Amino acid sequence: MTKLFLTTLVIGTLSVAAAADANAWTRSATGTGPRGTSSVTATGSCANGSCSRNVTRTGPAGNTYTRTGTISR
């Protein structure tokens, strides 16, 4: 179940990356496995040749992991 959730998450992330021309976006997903429920929320925006994103993941134990990134051309 975890592999399915991670695979779905990666595919969703790649899909979001392909839509980098959008000004702003938000995506979220929830997965339930044998250890509980995990969630991920991603937000991002693009302006003036620069795009940024913020991703927050929360695991079944309540641990939270946040990652941010910016890319410019």
PDB file of N, CA and C in Angstrom:
ATOM      1  N   MET A   1       0.823  -1.186   0.000  1.00  0.00           N
ATOM      2  CA  MET A   1       0.000   0.000   0.000  1.00  0.00           C
ATOM      3  C   MET A   1       0.869   1.252   0.000  1.00  0.00           C
ATOM      4  N   THR A   2       1.983   1.200   0.753  1.00  0.00           N
ATOM      5  CA  THR A   2       2.883   2.345   0.793  1.00  0.00           C
ATOM      6  C   THR A   2       3.480   2.601  -0.580  1.00  0.00           C
ATOM      7  N   LYS A   3       3.851   1.533  -1.299  1.00  0.00           N
ATOM      8  CA  LYS A   3       4.413   1.697  -2.636  1.00  0.00           C
ATOM      9  C   LYS A   3       3.394   2.353  -3.564  1.00  0.00           C
ATOM     10  N   LEU A   4       2.140   1.959  -3.458  1.00  0.00           N
ATOM     11  CA  LEU A   4       1.090   2.557  -4.280  1.00  0.00           C
ATOM     12  C   LEU A   4       0.955   4.036  -3.967  1.00  0.00           C
ATOM     13  N   PHE A   5       0.952   4.382  -2.694  1.00  0.00           N
ATOM     14  CA  PHE A   5       0.829   5.784  -2.288  1.00  0.00           C
ATOM     15  C   PHE A   5       2.013   6.589  -2.808  1.00  0.00           C
ATOM     16  N   LEU A   6       3.227   6.080  -2.633  1.00  0.00           N
ATOM     17  CA  LEU A   6       4.417   6.794  -3.089  1.00  0.00           C
ATOM     18  C   LEU A   6       4.441   6.933  -4.603  1.00  0.00           C
ATOM     19  N   THR A   7       4.029   5.879  -5.310  1.00  0.00           N
ATOM     20  CA  THR A   7       3.976   5.941  -6.767  1.00  0.00           C
ATOM     21  C   THR A   7       2.982   6.998  -7.217  1.00  0.00           C
ATOM     22  N   THR A   8       1.829   7.021  -6.593  1.00  0.00           N
ATOM     23  CA  THR A   8       0.814   8.017  -6.919  1.00  0.00           C
ATOM     24  C   THR A   8       1.332   9.419  -6.636  1.00  0.00           C
ATOM     25  N   LEU A   9       2.030   9.573  -5.528  1.00  0.00           N
ATOM     26  CA  LEU A   9       2.588  10.860  -5.154  1.00  0.00           C
ATOM     27  C   LEU A   9       3.615  11.337  -6.180  1.00  0.00           C
ATOM     28  N   VAL A  10       4.493  10.442  -6.614  1.00  0.00           N
ATOM     29  CA  VAL A  10       5.518  10.807  -7.598  1.00  0.00           C
ATOM     30  C   VAL A  10       4.878  11.189  -8.921  1.00  0.00           C
ATOM     31  N   ILE A  11       3.898  10.417  -9.362  1.00  0.00           N
ATOM     32  CA  ILE A  11       3.214  10.731 -10.617  1.00  0.00           C
ATOM     33  C   ILE A  11       2.512  12.077 -10.505  1.00  0.00           C
ATOM     34  N   GLY A  12       1.878  12.328  -9.378  1.00  0.00           N
ATOM     35  CA  GLY A  12       1.212  13.610  -9.176  1.00  0.00           C
ATOM     36  C   GLY A  12       2.192  14.765  -9.171  1.00  0.00           C
ATOM     37  N   THR A  13       3.347  14.561  -8.561  1.00  0.00           N
ATOM     38  CA  THR A  13       4.368  15.605  -8.532  1.00  0.00           C
ATOM     39  C   THR A  13       4.881  15.903  -9.929  1.00  0.00           C
ATOM     40  N   LEU A  14       5.120  14.857 -10.724  1.00  0.00           N
ATOM     41  CA  LEU A  14       5.581  15.056 -12.092  1.00  0.00           C
ATOM     42  C   LEU A  14       4.523  15.750 -12.934  1.00  0.00           C
ATOM     43  N   SER A  15       3.266  15.432 -12.698  1.00  0.00           N
ATOM     44  CA  SER A  15       2.181  16.089 -13.426  1.00  0.00           C
ATOM     45  C   SER A  15       2.128  17.572 -13.086  1.00  0.00           C
ATOM     46  N   VAL A  16       2.347  17.889 -11.825  1.00  0.00           N
ATOM     47  CA  VAL A  16       2.353  19.280 -11.396  1.00  0.00           C
ATOM     48  C   VAL A  16       3.537  20.004 -12.020  1.00  0.00           C
ATOM     49  N   ALA A  17       4.686  19.355 -12.085  1.00  0.00           N
ATOM     50  CA  ALA A  17       5.877  19.970 -12.682  1.00  0.00           C
ATOM     51  C   ALA A  17       5.649  20.276 -14.160  1.00  0.00           C
ATOM     52  N   ALA A  18       4.883  19.439 -14.838  1.00  0.00           N
ATOM     53  CA  ALA A  18       4.593  19.659 -16.251  1.00  0.00           C
ATOM     54  C   ALA A  18       3.702  20.877 -16.456  1.00  0.00           C
ATOM     55  N   ALA A  19       2.963  21.253 -15.437  1.00  0.00           N
ATOM     56  CA  ALA A  19       2.056  22.397 -15.539  1.00  0.00           C
ATOM     57  C   ALA A  19       2.688  23.654 -14.956  1.00  0.00           C
ATOM     58  N   ALA A  20       3.990  23.816 -15.120  1.00  0.00           N
ATOM     59  CA  ALA A  20       4.719  24.928 -14.505  1.00  0.00           C
ATOM     60  C   ALA A  20       4.328  26.293 -15.067  1.00  0.00           C
ATOM     61  N   ASP A  21       3.623  26.332 -16.187  1.00  0.00           N
ATOM     62  CA  ASP A  21       3.219  27.608 -16.756  1.00  0.00           C
ATOM     63  C   ASP A  21       2.063  28.254 -16.007  1.00  0.00           C
ATOM     64  N   ALA A  22       1.419  27.525 -15.141  1.00  0.00           N
ATOM     65  CA  ALA A  22       0.310  28.089 -14.370  1.00  0.00           C
ATOM     66  C   ALA A  22       0.842  29.103 -13.365  1.00  0.00           C
ATOM     67  N   ASN A  23       0.053  30.127 -13.072  1.00  0.00           N
ATOM     68  CA  ASN A  23       0.479  31.152 -12.122  1.00  0.00           C
ATOM     69  C   ASN A  23       0.524  30.619 -10.695  1.00  0.00           C
ATOM     70  N   ALA A  24      -0.461  29.857 -10.297  1.00  0.00           N
ATOM     71  CA  ALA A  24      -0.495  29.302  -8.948  1.00  0.00           C
ATOM     72  C   ALA A  24      -1.280  28.005  -8.957  1.00  0.00           C
ATOM     73  N   TRP A  25      -0.904  27.102  -8.059  1.00  0.00           N
ATOM     74  CA  TRP A  25      -1.587  25.819  -7.992  1.00  0.00           C
ATOM     75  C   TRP A  25      -1.508  25.251  -6.583  1.00  0.00           C
ATOM     76  N   THR A  26      -2.425  24.351  -6.296  1.00  0.00           N
ATOM     77  CA  THR A  26      -2.459  23.629  -5.027  1.00  0.00           C
ATOM     78  C   THR A  26      -2.888  22.207  -5.311  1.00  0.00           C
ATOM     79  N   ARG A  27      -2.209  21.256  -4.712  1.00  0.00           N
ATOM     80  CA  ARG A  27      -2.570  19.848  -4.844  1.00  0.00           C
ATOM     81  C   ARG A  27      -2.523  19.208  -3.465  1.00  0.00           C
ATOM     82  N   SER A  28      -3.389  18.253  -3.231  1.00  0.00           N
ATOM     83  CA  SER A  28      -3.343  17.523  -1.971  1.00  0.00           C
ATOM     84  C   SER A  28      -3.813  16.089  -2.200  1.00  0.00           C
ATOM     85  N   ALA A  29      -3.307  15.203  -1.359  1.00  0.00           N
ATOM     86  CA  ALA A  29      -3.673  13.792  -1.459  1.00  0.00           C
ATOM     87  C   ALA A  29      -3.584  13.156  -0.079  1.00  0.00           C
ATOM     88  N   THR A  30      -4.367  12.107   0.094  1.00  0.00           N
ATOM     89  CA  THR A  30      -4.366  11.349   1.333  1.00  0.00           C
ATOM     90  C   THR A  30      -4.316   9.873   0.994  1.00  0.00           C
ATOM     91  N   GLY A  31      -3.534   9.136   1.740  1.00  0.00           N
ATOM     92  CA  GLY A  31      -3.447   7.695   1.536  1.00  0.00           C
ATOM     93  C   GLY A  31      -3.560   6.978   2.865  1.00  0.00           C
ATOM     94  N   THR A  32      -4.256   5.862   2.864  1.00  0.00           N
ATOM     95  CA  THR A  32      -4.411   5.074   4.076  1.00  0.00           C
ATOM     96  C   THR A  32      -3.768   3.719   3.877  1.00  0.00           C
ATOM     97  N   GLY A  33      -2.926   3.336   4.818  1.00  0.00           N
ATOM     98  CA  GLY A  33      -2.237   2.060   4.758  1.00  0.00           C
ATOM     99  C   GLY A  33      -2.363   1.332   6.074  1.00  0.00           C
ATOM    100  N   PRO A  34      -1.623   0.253   6.238  1.00  0.00           N
ATOM    101  CA  PRO A  34      -1.726  -0.547   7.452  1.00  0.00           C
ATOM    102  C   PRO A  34      -1.290   0.200   8.712  1.00  0.00           C
ATOM    103  N   ARG A  35      -0.482   1.234   8.571  1.00  0.00           N
ATOM    104  CA  ARG A  35      -0.012   1.990   9.736  1.00  0.00           C
ATOM    105  C   ARG A  35      -0.830   3.236  10.010  1.00  0.00           C
ATOM    106  N   GLY A  36      -1.763   3.560   9.132  1.00  0.00           N
ATOM    107  CA  GLY A  36      -2.587   4.742   9.332  1.00  0.00           C
ATOM    108  C   GLY A  36      -2.680   5.585   8.084  1.00  0.00           C
ATOM    109  N   THR A  37      -3.036   6.836   8.272  1.00  0.00           N
ATOM    110  CA  THR A  37      -3.261   7.753   7.156  1.00  0.00           C
ATOM    111  C   THR A  37      -2.107   8.736   7.018  1.00  0.00           C
ATOM    112  N   SER A  38      -1.672   8.934   5.780  1.00  0.00           N
ATOM    113  CA  SER A  38      -0.638   9.916   5.450  1.00  0.00           C
ATOM    114  C   SER A  38      -1.252  10.928   4.496  1.00  0.00           C
ATOM    115  N   SER A  39      -0.729  12.149   4.526  1.00  0.00           N
ATOM    116  CA  SER A  39      -1.247  13.165   3.615  1.00  0.00           C
ATOM    117  C   SER A  39      -0.098  14.001   3.063  1.00  0.00           C
ATOM    118  N   VAL A  40      -0.361  14.616   1.934  1.00  0.00           N
ATOM    119  CA  VAL A  40       0.600  15.518   1.311  1.00  0.00           C
ATOM    120  C   VAL A  40      -0.158  16.699   0.729  1.00  0.00           C
ATOM    121  N   THR A  41       0.393  17.885   0.912  1.00  0.00           N
ATOM    122  CA  THR A  41      -0.164  19.103   0.335  1.00  0.00           C
ATOM    123  C   THR A  41       0.974  19.844  -0.350  1.00  0.00           C
ATOM    124  N   ALA A  42       0.744  20.246  -1.588  1.00  0.00           N
ATOM    125  CA  ALA A  42       1.754  20.978  -2.347  1.00  0.00           C
ATOM    126  C   ALA A  42       1.137  22.247  -2.912  1.00  0.00           C
ATOM    127  N   THR A  43       1.877  23.329  -2.820  1.00  0.00           N
ATOM    128  CA  THR A  43       1.453  24.600  -3.405  1.00  0.00           C
ATOM    129  C   THR A  43       2.623  25.185  -4.184  1.00  0.00           C
ATOM    130  N   GLY A  44       2.308  25.994  -5.161  1.00  0.00           N
ATOM    131  CA  GLY A  44       3.366  26.612  -5.932  1.00  0.00           C
ATOM    132  C   GLY A  44       2.851  27.754  -6.775  1.00  0.00           C
ATOM    133  N   SER A  45       3.791  28.498  -7.318  1.00  0.00           N
ATOM    134  CA  SER A  45       3.427  29.604  -8.191  1.00  0.00           C
ATOM    135  C   SER A  45       4.594  29.941  -9.092  1.00  0.00           C
ATOM    136  N   CYS A  46       4.281  30.628 -10.176  1.00  0.00           N
ATOM    137  CA  CYS A  46       5.289  31.078 -11.137  1.00  0.00           C
ATOM    138  C   CYS A  46       5.065  32.545 -11.447  1.00  0.00           C
ATOM    139  N   ALA A  47       6.170  33.288 -11.564  1.00  0.00           N
ATOM    140  CA  ALA A  47       6.093  34.695 -11.952  1.00  0.00           C
ATOM    141  C   ALA A  47       7.469  35.147 -12.418  1.00  0.00           C
ATOM    142  N   ASN A  48       7.502  35.916 -13.498  1.00  0.00           N
ATOM    143  CA  ASN A  48       8.727  36.535 -13.993  1.00  0.00           C
ATOM    144  C   ASN A  48       9.863  35.529 -14.218  1.00  0.00           C
ATOM    145  N   GLY A  49       9.543  34.366 -14.770  1.00  0.00           N
ATOM    146  CA  GLY A  49      10.564  33.376 -15.083  1.00  0.00           C
ATOM    147  C   GLY A  49      11.052  32.569 -13.899  1.00  0.00           C
ATOM    148  N   SER A  50      10.398  32.647 -12.773  1.00  0.00           N
ATOM    149  CA  SER A  50      10.797  31.912 -11.581  1.00  0.00           C
ATOM    150  C   SER A  50       9.592  31.166 -11.023  1.00  0.00           C
ATOM    151  N   CYS A  51       9.792  29.915 -10.653  1.00  0.00           N
ATOM    152  CA  CYS A  51       8.722  29.115 -10.066  1.00  0.00           C
ATOM    153  C   CYS A  51       9.169  28.589  -8.714  1.00  0.00           C
ATOM    154  N   SER A  52       8.240  28.537  -7.780  1.00  0.00           N
ATOM    155  CA  SER A  52       8.545  28.003  -6.457  1.00  0.00           C
ATOM    156  C   SER A  52       7.454  27.042  -6.033  1.00  0.00           C
ATOM    157  N   ARG A  53       7.815  26.146  -5.108  1.00  0.00           N
ATOM    158  CA  ARG A  53       6.834  25.192  -4.591  1.00  0.00           C
ATOM    159  C   ARG A  53       7.134  24.896  -3.135  1.00  0.00           C
ATOM    160  N   ASN A  54       6.109  24.504  -2.416  1.00  0.00           N
ATOM    161  CA  ASN A  54       6.195  24.078  -1.028  1.00  0.00           C
ATOM    162  C   ASN A  54       5.416  22.776  -0.913  1.00  0.00           C
ATOM    163  N   VAL A  55       6.040  21.764  -0.338  1.00  0.00           N
ATOM    164  CA  VAL A  55       5.387  20.474  -0.160  1.00  0.00           C
ATOM    165  C   VAL A  55       5.469  20.092   1.309  1.00  0.00           C
ATOM    166  N   THR A  56       4.332  19.730   1.896  1.00  0.00           N
ATOM    167  CA  THR A  56       4.295  19.283   3.280  1.00  0.00           C
ATOM    168  C   THR A  56       3.687  17.894   3.329  1.00  0.00           C
ATOM    169  N   ARG A  57       4.414  16.976   3.939  1.00  0.00           N
ATOM    170  CA  ARG A  57       3.940  15.601   4.090  1.00  0.00           C
ATOM    171  C   ARG A  57       3.748  15.317   5.568  1.00  0.00           C
ATOM    172  N   THR A  58       2.656  14.649   5.907  1.00  0.00           N
ATOM    173  CA  THR A  58       2.396  14.245   7.277  1.00  0.00           C
ATOM    174  C   THR A  58       2.188  12.741   7.295  1.00  0.00           C
ATOM    175  N   GLY A  59       2.966  12.047   8.103  1.00  0.00           N
ATOM    176  CA  GLY A  59       2.882  10.596   8.187  1.00  0.00           C
ATOM    177  C   GLY A  59       1.841  10.138   9.175  1.00  0.00           C
ATOM    178  N   PRO A  60       1.621   8.834   9.255  1.00  0.00           N
ATOM    179  CA  PRO A  60       0.590   8.291  10.138  1.00  0.00           C
ATOM    180  C   PRO A  60       0.876   8.548  11.621  1.00  0.00           C
ATOM    181  N   ALA A  61       2.142   8.751  11.982  1.00  0.00           N
ATOM    182  CA  ALA A  61       2.481   9.021  13.379  1.00  0.00           C
ATOM    183  C   ALA A  61       2.402  10.508  13.700  1.00  0.00           C
ATOM    184  N   GLY A  62       2.045  11.332  12.708  1.00  0.00           N
ATOM    185  CA  GLY A  62       1.932  12.760  12.916  1.00  0.00           C
ATOM    186  C   GLY A  62       3.204  13.534  12.604  1.00  0.00           C
ATOM    187  N   ASN A  63       4.257  12.830  12.174  1.00  0.00           N
ATOM    188  CA  ASN A  63       5.492  13.504  11.801  1.00  0.00           C
ATOM    189  C   ASN A  63       5.274  14.311  10.529  1.00  0.00           C
ATOM    190  N   THR A  64       5.799  15.525  10.503  1.00  0.00           N
ATOM    191  CA  THR A  64       5.620  16.407   9.351  1.00  0.00           C
ATOM    192  C   THR A  64       6.970  16.719   8.724  1.00  0.00           C
ATOM    193  N   TYR A  65       7.012  16.707   7.396  1.00  0.00           N
ATOM    194  CA  TYR A  65       8.212  16.993   6.624  1.00  0.00           C
ATOM    195  C   TYR A  65       7.847  18.043   5.591  1.00  0.00           C
ATOM    196  N   THR A  66       8.593  19.133   5.559  1.00  0.00           N
ATOM    197  CA  THR A  66       8.328  20.209   4.604  1.00  0.00           C
ATOM    198  C   THR A  66       9.532  20.406   3.713  1.00  0.00           C
ATOM    199  N   ARG A  67       9.266  20.586   2.441  1.00  0.00           N
ATOM    200  CA  ARG A  67      10.333  20.824   1.457  1.00  0.00           C
ATOM    201  C   ARG A  67       9.927  21.996   0.581  1.00  0.00           C
ATOM    202  N   THR A  68      10.852  22.894   0.331  1.00  0.00           N
ATOM    203  CA  THR A  68      10.594  24.039  -0.526  1.00  0.00           C
ATOM    204  C   THR A  68      11.646  24.072  -1.641  1.00  0.00           C
ATOM    205  N   GLY A  69      11.295  24.693  -2.732  1.00  0.00           N
ATOM    206  CA  GLY A  69      12.238  24.803  -3.833  1.00  0.00           C
ATOM    207  C   GLY A  69      11.851  25.920  -4.776  1.00  0.00           C
ATOM    208  N   THR A  70      12.859  26.475  -5.438  1.00  0.00           N
ATOM    209  CA  THR A  70      12.660  27.532  -6.424  1.00  0.00           C
ATOM    210  C   THR A  70      13.564  27.262  -7.611  1.00  0.00           C
ATOM    211  N   ILE A  71      13.060  27.527  -8.792  1.00  0.00           N
ATOM    212  CA  ILE A  71      13.851  27.384 -10.005  1.00  0.00           C
ATOM    213  C   ILE A  71      13.626  28.606 -10.876  1.00  0.00           C
ATOM    214  N   SER A  72      14.693  29.067 -11.504  1.00  0.00           N
ATOM    215  CA  SER A  72      14.605  30.236 -12.384  1.00  0.00           C
ATOM    216  C   SER A  72      15.216  29.889 -13.735  1.00  0.00           C
ATOM    217  N   ARG A  73      14.756  30.567 -14.766  1.00  0.00           N
ATOM    218  CA  ARG A  73      15.372  30.350 -16.069  1.00  0.00           C
ATOM    219  C   ARG A  73      16.196  31.519 -16.469  1.00  0.00           C
TER     220      ARG A  73
END
